[in-house]
Amino acid sequence: MKEEKIINDLVYFDNLKIVQNKEYFNFSLDSVLLPNFCVVNKSTKNILDLCTGNAPIPLILSTMTSSKIIGVEIQKNIYDLAIESVKINNLDKQIEIINEDACKIDKIFETDSFDLITCNPPYFKLNKNSILNDNSVKSIARHEIKISIDDIMKLSKKLLKNNGSLCIIHRTDRLMDIITSMKNNNIEPKRIRFIYPKVGKESNLVLIDGHKNGNSGLKILPPLYVHNEDGSYTEEVLKMFGKW
């Protein structure tokens, strides 16, 4: 495949660049919303980002913390973009990118290793009716070919420290699958925030924070609206972009 690599500003973060390829899945709004949803504080020492892509989530998290961040990406060509993205921002000492199947990383890291796990996973179930893209890179990014919701929960159950946090973004219509899998793996849903394209539209995405062996008690946070009526981004989203 012909290389179509470009270097862009990471949205409005003027001091951050990201290396992308026009032929592949470029990072999306989801990768901005997720790190802004996470609770990162002084006790957050080790962070793991599953399905890291070209590393937008680790890059944004690096603006919030000096803690160690590890990103895992199974596709070598996307991993290479992530490595370049980290290097071009001189973040090699803070961010480490691993080219590995996320489902096997429990063989690399010890149990109870991470305070926070983030994941912007493939959204669509794989079944006989799935329409896959001819570009295998895009198919793996969109469909649960290499990793599923249950895989993410099983890994998080093992790799999170007690009361550690798993934050994911997913399609709203998969919410019950996510909650069921969390509960089955001793991850207690603690915060949920529904995302809406604009006021008056149905929620299409949802942010969820679950804690390993956490106490029961779920908070539904205020709705997050992405666009104003004129199609421009809302002030809240622009702030997440680093606009202000």
C-alpha atoms as a PDB file:
ATOM      1  CA  MET A   1       0.000   0.000   0.000  1.00  0.00           C
ATOM      2  CA  LYS A   2       1.337   3.448  -0.910  1.00  0.00           C
ATOM      3  CA  GLU A   3       2.451   5.479   2.063  1.00  0.00           C
ATOM      4  CA  GLU A   4       0.371   8.655   2.518  1.00  0.00           C
ATOM      5  CA  LYS A   5       1.821   9.801   5.815  1.00  0.00           C
ATOM      6  CA  ILE A   6       1.108  13.316   7.003  1.00  0.00           C
ATOM      7  CA  ILE A   7       1.930  15.199  10.187  1.00  0.00           C
ATOM      8  CA  ASN A   8      -0.935  17.156  11.734  1.00  0.00           C
ATOM      9  CA  ASP A   9      -1.473  19.218  14.843  1.00  0.00           C
ATOM     10  CA  LEU A  10      -3.283  17.107  17.431  1.00  0.00           C
ATOM     11  CA  VAL A  11      -6.508  19.132  17.109  1.00  0.00           C
ATOM     12  CA  TYR A  12      -5.814  22.490  18.818  1.00  0.00           C
ATOM     13  CA  PHE A  13      -2.873  21.267  20.900  1.00  0.00           C
ATOM     14  CA  ASP A  14      -0.316  23.459  19.139  1.00  0.00           C
ATOM     15  CA  ASN A  15       2.572  21.763  20.913  1.00  0.00           C
ATOM     16  CA  LEU A  16       1.514  18.232  19.931  1.00  0.00           C
ATOM     17  CA  LYS A  17       1.808  16.596  16.514  1.00  0.00           C
ATOM     18  CA  ILE A  18       0.381  13.307  15.295  1.00  0.00           C
ATOM     19  CA  VAL A  19       1.536  11.192  12.354  1.00  0.00           C
ATOM     20  CA  GLN A  20      -1.290   9.808  10.240  1.00  0.00           C
ATOM     21  CA  ASN A  21      -1.828   7.900   7.018  1.00  0.00           C
ATOM     22  CA  LYS A  22      -4.664   8.832   4.657  1.00  0.00           C
ATOM     23  CA  GLU A  23      -5.195   5.176   3.768  1.00  0.00           C
ATOM     24  CA  TYR A  24      -5.878   4.172   7.363  1.00  0.00           C
ATOM     25  CA  PHE A  25      -8.263   5.135  10.130  1.00  0.00           C
ATOM     26  CA  ASN A  26      -7.220   8.569  11.394  1.00  0.00           C
ATOM     27  CA  PHE A  27      -7.933   9.485  14.986  1.00  0.00           C
ATOM     28  CA  SER A  28     -11.435  10.752  15.672  1.00  0.00           C
ATOM     29  CA  LEU A  29     -13.376  12.844  18.168  1.00  0.00           C
ATOM     30  CA  ASP A  30     -13.768   9.719  20.330  1.00  0.00           C
ATOM     31  CA  SER A  31     -10.043   9.793  21.065  1.00  0.00           C
ATOM     32  CA  VAL A  32     -10.378  13.338  22.419  1.00  0.00           C
ATOM     33  CA  LEU A  33     -13.503  12.751  24.494  1.00  0.00           C
ATOM     34  CA  LEU A  34     -12.160   9.654  26.261  1.00  0.00           C
ATOM     35  CA  PRO A  35      -9.026  11.074  27.943  1.00  0.00           C
ATOM     36  CA  ASN A  36     -11.012  14.136  29.009  1.00  0.00           C
ATOM     37  CA  PHE A  37     -13.498  11.811  30.731  1.00  0.00           C
ATOM     38  CA  CYS A  38     -10.815  10.018  32.747  1.00  0.00           C
ATOM     39  CA  VAL A  39     -10.024  10.975  36.320  1.00  0.00           C
ATOM     40  CA  VAL A  40      -6.242  11.375  36.455  1.00  0.00           C
ATOM     41  CA  ASN A  41      -4.663  12.424  39.754  1.00  0.00           C
ATOM     42  CA  LYS A  42      -1.504  11.970  41.844  1.00  0.00           C
ATOM     43  CA  SER A  43      -2.384   8.348  42.603  1.00  0.00           C
ATOM     44  CA  THR A  44      -2.541   7.525  38.874  1.00  0.00           C
ATOM     45  CA  LYS A  45       0.980   6.172  38.368  1.00  0.00           C
ATOM     46  CA  ASN A  46       0.638   3.657  35.526  1.00  0.00           C
ATOM     47  CA  ILE A  47      -1.728   3.955  32.562  1.00  0.00           C
ATOM     48  CA  LEU A  48      -2.488   1.408  29.826  1.00  0.00           C
ATOM     49  CA  ASP A  49      -4.212   2.347  26.560  1.00  0.00           C
ATOM     50  CA  LEU A  50      -5.596  -0.624  24.632  1.00  0.00           C
ATOM     51  CA  CYS A  51      -6.173  -0.382  20.854  1.00  0.00           C
ATOM     52  CA  THR A  52      -4.013   2.733  20.883  1.00  0.00           C
ATOM     53  CA  GLY A  53      -3.937   3.315  17.113  1.00  0.00           C
ATOM     54  CA  ASN A  54      -1.489   6.097  16.245  1.00  0.00           C
ATOM     55  CA  ALA A  55      -1.448   7.108  19.939  1.00  0.00           C
ATOM     56  CA  PRO A  56      -3.856  10.082  20.215  1.00  0.00           C
ATOM     57  CA  ILE A  57      -5.063   9.062  23.686  1.00  0.00           C
ATOM     58  CA  PRO A  58      -1.560   8.651  25.208  1.00  0.00           C
ATOM     59  CA  LEU A  59      -0.553  11.988  23.648  1.00  0.00           C
ATOM     60  CA  ILE A  60      -3.530  13.822  25.152  1.00  0.00           C
ATOM     61  CA  LEU A  61      -3.097  12.081  28.506  1.00  0.00           C
ATOM     62  CA  SER A  62       0.517  13.299  28.548  1.00  0.00           C
ATOM     63  CA  THR A  63      -0.839  16.851  28.853  1.00  0.00           C
ATOM     64  CA  MET A  64      -2.654  15.843  32.056  1.00  0.00           C
ATOM     65  CA  THR A  65      -0.034  13.767  33.866  1.00  0.00           C
ATOM     66  CA  SER A  66       3.654  12.920  33.952  1.00  0.00           C
ATOM     67  CA  SER A  67       2.859   9.282  34.778  1.00  0.00           C
ATOM     68  CA  LYS A  68       4.007   6.357  32.644  1.00  0.00           C
ATOM     69  CA  ILE A  69       1.656   5.584  29.721  1.00  0.00           C
ATOM     70  CA  ILE A  70       1.788   2.360  27.709  1.00  0.00           C
ATOM     71  CA  GLY A  71      -0.122   1.998  24.447  1.00  0.00           C
ATOM     72  CA  VAL A  72      -0.813  -1.358  22.790  1.00  0.00           C
ATOM     73  CA  GLU A  73      -1.442  -1.648  19.052  1.00  0.00           C
ATOM     74  CA  ILE A  74      -1.709  -4.950  17.179  1.00  0.00           C
ATOM     75  CA  GLN A  75      -1.311  -3.650  13.601  1.00  0.00           C
ATOM     76  CA  LYS A  76       2.334  -3.071  12.727  1.00  0.00           C
ATOM     77  CA  ASN A  77       1.728  -0.281  10.219  1.00  0.00           C
ATOM     78  CA  ILE A  78      -0.398   1.643  12.739  1.00  0.00           C
ATOM     79  CA  TYR A  79       2.104   0.886  15.518  1.00  0.00           C
ATOM     80  CA  ASP A  80       4.799   2.478  13.354  1.00  0.00           C
ATOM     81  CA  LEU A  81       2.718   5.661  13.118  1.00  0.00           C
ATOM     82  CA  ALA A  82       2.304   5.662  16.901  1.00  0.00           C
ATOM     83  CA  ILE A  83       6.054   5.315  17.417  1.00  0.00           C
ATOM     84  CA  GLU A  84       6.656   8.269  15.086  1.00  0.00           C
ATOM     85  CA  SER A  85       3.979  10.311  16.842  1.00  0.00           C
ATOM     86  CA  VAL A  86       5.616   9.723  20.235  1.00  0.00           C
ATOM     87  CA  LYS A  87       9.110  10.483  18.961  1.00  0.00           C
ATOM     88  CA  ILE A  88       8.168  13.674  17.126  1.00  0.00           C
ATOM     89  CA  ASN A  89       6.767  15.021  20.417  1.00  0.00           C
ATOM     90  CA  ASN A  90       9.853  13.938  22.412  1.00  0.00           C
ATOM     91  CA  LEU A  91       7.685  11.822  24.710  1.00  0.00           C
ATOM     92  CA  ASP A  92       9.718   8.607  24.462  1.00  0.00           C
ATOM     93  CA  LYS A  93      10.506   8.609  28.170  1.00  0.00           C
ATOM     94  CA  GLN A  94       6.864   8.896  29.222  1.00  0.00           C
ATOM     95  CA  ILE A  95       4.988   6.969  26.509  1.00  0.00           C
ATOM     96  CA  GLU A  96       5.857   3.425  25.453  1.00  0.00           C
ATOM     97  CA  ILE A  97       4.135   1.784  22.486  1.00  0.00           C
ATOM     98  CA  ILE A  98       3.966  -2.006  22.210  1.00  0.00           C
ATOM     99  CA  ASN A  99       3.217  -3.895  18.990  1.00  0.00           C
ATOM    100  CA  GLU A 100       1.231  -6.799  20.403  1.00  0.00           C
ATOM    101  CA  ASP A 101      -2.169  -8.463  20.443  1.00  0.00           C
ATOM    102  CA  ALA A 102      -3.927  -6.779  23.382  1.00  0.00           C
ATOM    103  CA  CYS A 103      -5.495 -10.115  24.298  1.00  0.00           C
ATOM    104  CA  LYS A 104      -2.021 -11.459  25.102  1.00  0.00           C
ATOM    105  CA  ILE A 105      -0.597  -8.607  27.147  1.00  0.00           C
ATOM    106  CA  ASP A 106      -1.564 -10.265  30.424  1.00  0.00           C
ATOM    107  CA  LYS A 107       1.441 -12.474  29.671  1.00  0.00           C
ATOM    108  CA  ILE A 108       3.676  -9.375  29.553  1.00  0.00           C
ATOM    109  CA  PHE A 109       2.466  -7.441  32.591  1.00  0.00           C
ATOM    110  CA  GLU A 110       1.965  -8.632  36.113  1.00  0.00           C
ATOM    111  CA  THR A 111      -1.477  -8.821  37.713  1.00  0.00           C
ATOM    112  CA  ASP A 112      -2.579  -5.556  39.366  1.00  0.00           C
ATOM    113  CA  SER A 113      -0.137  -3.400  37.359  1.00  0.00           C
ATOM    114  CA  PHE A 114      -2.238  -0.411  36.291  1.00  0.00           C
ATOM    115  CA  ASP A 115      -4.181   2.376  37.989  1.00  0.00           C
ATOM    116  CA  LEU A 116      -6.030   3.334  34.794  1.00  0.00           C
ATOM    117  CA  ILE A 117      -6.864   1.481  31.588  1.00  0.00           C
ATOM    118  CA  THR A 118      -8.350   3.348  28.632  1.00  0.00           C
ATOM    119  CA  CYS A 119      -9.799   1.880  25.455  1.00  0.00           C
ATOM    120  CA  ASN A 120     -11.445   3.206  22.311  1.00  0.00           C
ATOM    121  CA  PRO A 121     -12.217  -0.243  20.880  1.00  0.00           C
ATOM    122  CA  PRO A 122     -13.723  -1.505  17.626  1.00  0.00           C
ATOM    123  CA  TYR A 123     -17.458  -0.773  17.887  1.00  0.00           C
ATOM    124  CA  PHE A 124     -19.129  -3.418  15.755  1.00  0.00           C
ATOM    125  CA  LYS A 125     -19.804  -7.076  16.494  1.00  0.00           C
ATOM    126  CA  LEU A 126     -18.473  -9.547  13.962  1.00  0.00           C
ATOM    127  CA  ASN A 127     -21.105 -11.864  12.511  1.00  0.00           C
ATOM    128  CA  LYS A 128     -22.192 -13.408   9.201  1.00  0.00           C
ATOM    129  CA  ASN A 129     -23.967 -10.176   8.235  1.00  0.00           C
ATOM    130  CA  SER A 130     -20.957  -7.928   8.887  1.00  0.00           C
ATOM    131  CA  ILE A 131     -19.888  -5.837   5.908  1.00  0.00           C
ATOM    132  CA  LEU A 132     -16.112  -5.609   6.117  1.00  0.00           C
ATOM    133  CA  ASN A 133     -13.959  -3.005   4.413  1.00  0.00           C
ATOM    134  CA  ASP A 134     -11.562  -4.272   1.732  1.00  0.00           C
ATOM    135  CA  ASN A 135      -8.885  -2.414   3.686  1.00  0.00           C
ATOM    136  CA  SER A 136      -8.075  -4.886   6.478  1.00  0.00           C
ATOM    137  CA  VAL A 137      -6.595  -2.106   8.614  1.00  0.00           C
ATOM    138  CA  LYS A 138      -9.949  -0.331   8.683  1.00  0.00           C
ATOM    139  CA  SER A 139     -11.889  -3.578   9.227  1.00  0.00           C
ATOM    140  CA  ILE A 140      -9.829  -4.430  12.309  1.00  0.00           C
ATOM    141  CA  ALA A 141     -10.312  -0.887  13.620  1.00  0.00           C
ATOM    142  CA  ARG A 142     -14.097  -1.038  13.162  1.00  0.00           C
ATOM    143  CA  HIS A 143     -15.091  -4.622  13.934  1.00  0.00           C
ATOM    144  CA  GLU A 144     -14.405  -6.976  16.844  1.00  0.00           C
ATOM    145  CA  ILE A 145     -12.065  -9.102  14.759  1.00  0.00           C
ATOM    146  CA  LYS A 146      -9.108  -9.060  17.146  1.00  0.00           C
ATOM    147  CA  ILE A 147     -10.670  -7.925  20.437  1.00  0.00           C
ATOM    148  CA  SER A 148     -14.163  -7.884  21.957  1.00  0.00           C
ATOM    149  CA  ILE A 149     -15.859  -6.197  24.896  1.00  0.00           C
ATOM    150  CA  ASP A 150     -15.455  -9.396  26.951  1.00  0.00           C
ATOM    151  CA  ASP A 151     -11.730  -9.509  26.124  1.00  0.00           C
ATOM    152  CA  ILE A 152     -11.305  -5.928  27.358  1.00  0.00           C
ATOM    153  CA  MET A 153     -13.097  -6.685  30.614  1.00  0.00           C
ATOM    154  CA  LYS A 154     -11.147  -9.876  31.295  1.00  0.00           C
ATOM    155  CA  LEU A 155      -7.856  -8.082  30.722  1.00  0.00           C
ATOM    156  CA  SER A 156      -8.915  -5.180  32.934  1.00  0.00           C
ATOM    157  CA  LYS A 157      -9.972  -7.523  35.722  1.00  0.00           C
ATOM    158  CA  LYS A 158      -6.476  -8.997  35.743  1.00  0.00           C
ATOM    159  CA  LEU A 159      -4.305  -5.953  35.031  1.00  0.00           C
ATOM    160  CA  LEU A 160      -6.029  -3.227  37.049  1.00  0.00           C
ATOM    161  CA  LYS A 161      -5.051  -2.601  40.643  1.00  0.00           C
ATOM    162  CA  ASN A 162      -7.815  -2.951  43.223  1.00  0.00           C
ATOM    163  CA  ASN A 163     -10.261  -0.069  42.657  1.00  0.00           C
ATOM    164  CA  GLY A 164      -8.353   0.864  39.502  1.00  0.00           C
ATOM    165  CA  SER A 165     -10.350   2.527  36.743  1.00  0.00           C
ATOM    166  CA  LEU A 166     -11.346   1.299  33.274  1.00  0.00           C
ATOM    167  CA  CYS A 167     -12.572   4.095  30.999  1.00  0.00           C
ATOM    168  CA  ILE A 168     -13.979   3.299  27.571  1.00  0.00           C
ATOM    169  CA  ILE A 169     -16.002   4.992  24.861  1.00  0.00           C
ATOM    170  CA  HIS A 170     -18.434   2.958  22.788  1.00  0.00           C
ATOM    171  CA  ARG A 171     -21.671   3.034  20.854  1.00  0.00           C
ATOM    172  CA  THR A 172     -24.698   3.667  23.038  1.00  0.00           C
ATOM    173  CA  ASP A 173     -26.498   0.631  21.604  1.00  0.00           C
ATOM    174  CA  ARG A 174     -23.768  -1.592  23.114  1.00  0.00           C
ATOM    175  CA  LEU A 175     -24.298  -0.202  26.642  1.00  0.00           C
ATOM    176  CA  MET A 176     -25.957  -3.296  28.092  1.00  0.00           C
ATOM    177  CA  ASP A 177     -23.256  -5.555  26.627  1.00  0.00           C
ATOM    178  CA  ILE A 178     -20.639  -3.377  28.334  1.00  0.00           C
ATOM    179  CA  ILE A 179     -22.360  -3.234  31.729  1.00  0.00           C
ATOM    180  CA  THR A 180     -23.075  -6.974  31.721  1.00  0.00           C
ATOM    181  CA  SER A 181     -19.452  -7.788  30.873  1.00  0.00           C
ATOM    182  CA  MET A 182     -18.180  -5.363  33.499  1.00  0.00           C
ATOM    183  CA  LYS A 183     -20.309  -6.944  36.217  1.00  0.00           C
ATOM    184  CA  ASN A 184     -19.250 -10.442  35.135  1.00  0.00           C
ATOM    185  CA  ASN A 185     -15.614  -9.405  35.623  1.00  0.00           C
ATOM    186  CA  ASN A 186     -15.905  -7.644  38.990  1.00  0.00           C
ATOM    187  CA  ILE A 187     -15.725  -4.183  37.426  1.00  0.00           C
ATOM    188  CA  GLU A 188     -18.351  -1.926  38.957  1.00  0.00           C
ATOM    189  CA  PRO A 189     -19.777   0.813  36.682  1.00  0.00           C
ATOM    190  CA  LYS A 190     -19.281   4.111  38.526  1.00  0.00           C
ATOM    191  CA  ARG A 191     -19.819   6.906  35.986  1.00  0.00           C
ATOM    192  CA  ILE A 192     -21.688   7.077  32.684  1.00  0.00           C
ATOM    193  CA  ARG A 193     -21.950  10.049  30.347  1.00  0.00           C
ATOM    194  CA  PHE A 194     -24.099   9.969  27.226  1.00  0.00           C
ATOM    195  CA  ILE A 195     -22.848  11.806  24.135  1.00  0.00           C
ATOM    196  CA  TYR A 196     -25.257  13.443  21.680  1.00  0.00           C
ATOM    197  CA  PRO A 197     -24.506  14.830  18.197  1.00  0.00           C
ATOM    198  CA  LYS A 198     -26.606  17.875  19.145  1.00  0.00           C
ATOM    199  CA  VAL A 199     -29.610  18.866  21.276  1.00  0.00           C
ATOM    200  CA  GLY A 200     -32.735  16.981  20.193  1.00  0.00           C
ATOM    201  CA  LYS A 201     -30.854  14.002  18.728  1.00  0.00           C
ATOM    202  CA  GLU A 202     -30.496  10.534  20.244  1.00  0.00           C
ATOM    203  CA  SER A 203     -27.292   9.572  22.017  1.00  0.00           C
ATOM    204  CA  ASN A 204     -24.917   7.722  19.677  1.00  0.00           C
ATOM    205  CA  LEU A 205     -21.906   7.297  21.976  1.00  0.00           C
ATOM    206  CA  VAL A 206     -21.366   6.704  25.674  1.00  0.00           C
ATOM    207  CA  LEU A 207     -18.452   7.096  28.070  1.00  0.00           C
ATOM    208  CA  ILE A 208     -18.184   4.590  30.929  1.00  0.00           C
ATOM    209  CA  ASP A 209     -15.873   4.427  33.940  1.00  0.00           C
ATOM    210  CA  GLY A 210     -15.778   1.179  35.925  1.00  0.00           C
ATOM    211  CA  HIS A 211     -13.701   0.326  39.001  1.00  0.00           C
ATOM    212  CA  LYS A 212     -12.224  -3.096  39.732  1.00  0.00           C
ATOM    213  CA  ASN A 213     -13.920  -4.496  42.855  1.00  0.00           C
ATOM    214  CA  GLY A 214     -15.529  -1.092  43.347  1.00  0.00           C
ATOM    215  CA  ASN A 215     -18.459  -0.404  45.628  1.00  0.00           C
ATOM    216  CA  SER A 216     -21.880  -0.144  44.016  1.00  0.00           C
ATOM    217  CA  GLY A 217     -23.116   3.334  43.200  1.00  0.00           C
ATOM    218  CA  LEU A 218     -23.551   4.663  39.676  1.00  0.00           C
ATOM    219  CA  LYS A 219     -23.558   8.332  38.653  1.00  0.00           C
ATOM    220  CA  ILE A 220     -25.158   9.471  35.401  1.00  0.00           C
ATOM    221  CA  LEU A 221     -23.296  12.616  34.416  1.00  0.00           C
ATOM    222  CA  PRO A 222     -24.794  15.558  32.487  1.00  0.00           C
ATOM    223  CA  PRO A 223     -25.204  14.997  28.732  1.00  0.00           C
ATOM    224  CA  LEU A 224     -22.366  15.952  26.422  1.00  0.00           C
ATOM    225  CA  TYR A 225     -23.466  17.721  23.235  1.00  0.00           C
ATOM    226  CA  VAL A 226     -20.906  17.725  20.422  1.00  0.00           C
ATOM    227  CA  HIS A 227     -22.365  20.260  17.991  1.00  0.00           C
ATOM    228  CA  ASN A 228     -24.375  23.458  18.140  1.00  0.00           C
ATOM    229  CA  GLU A 229     -27.390  23.923  15.877  1.00  0.00           C
ATOM    230  CA  ASP A 230     -25.182  25.533  13.204  1.00  0.00           C
ATOM    231  CA  GLY A 231     -22.910  22.471  13.158  1.00  0.00           C
ATOM    232  CA  SER A 232     -20.013  24.108  14.998  1.00  0.00           C
ATOM    233  CA  TYR A 233     -18.466  22.389  18.002  1.00  0.00           C
ATOM    234  CA  THR A 234     -19.868  23.293  21.404  1.00  0.00           C
ATOM    235  CA  GLU A 235     -17.733  25.282  23.810  1.00  0.00           C
ATOM    236  CA  GLU A 236     -17.218  22.223  26.025  1.00  0.00           C
ATOM    237  CA  VAL A 237     -15.841  20.163  23.145  1.00  0.00           C
ATOM    238  CA  LEU A 238     -13.576  22.995  21.991  1.00  0.00           C
ATOM    239  CA  LYS A 239     -12.123  23.167  25.485  1.00  0.00           C
ATOM    240  CA  MET A 240     -11.352  19.448  25.278  1.00  0.00           C
ATOM    241  CA  PHE A 241      -9.558  20.135  21.991  1.00  0.00           C
ATOM    242  CA  GLY A 242      -7.268  22.525  23.824  1.00  0.00           C
ATOM    243  CA  LYS A 243      -8.889  25.498  22.107  1.00  0.00           C
ATOM    244  CA  TRP A 244      -9.017  27.456  25.377  1.00  0.00           C
END
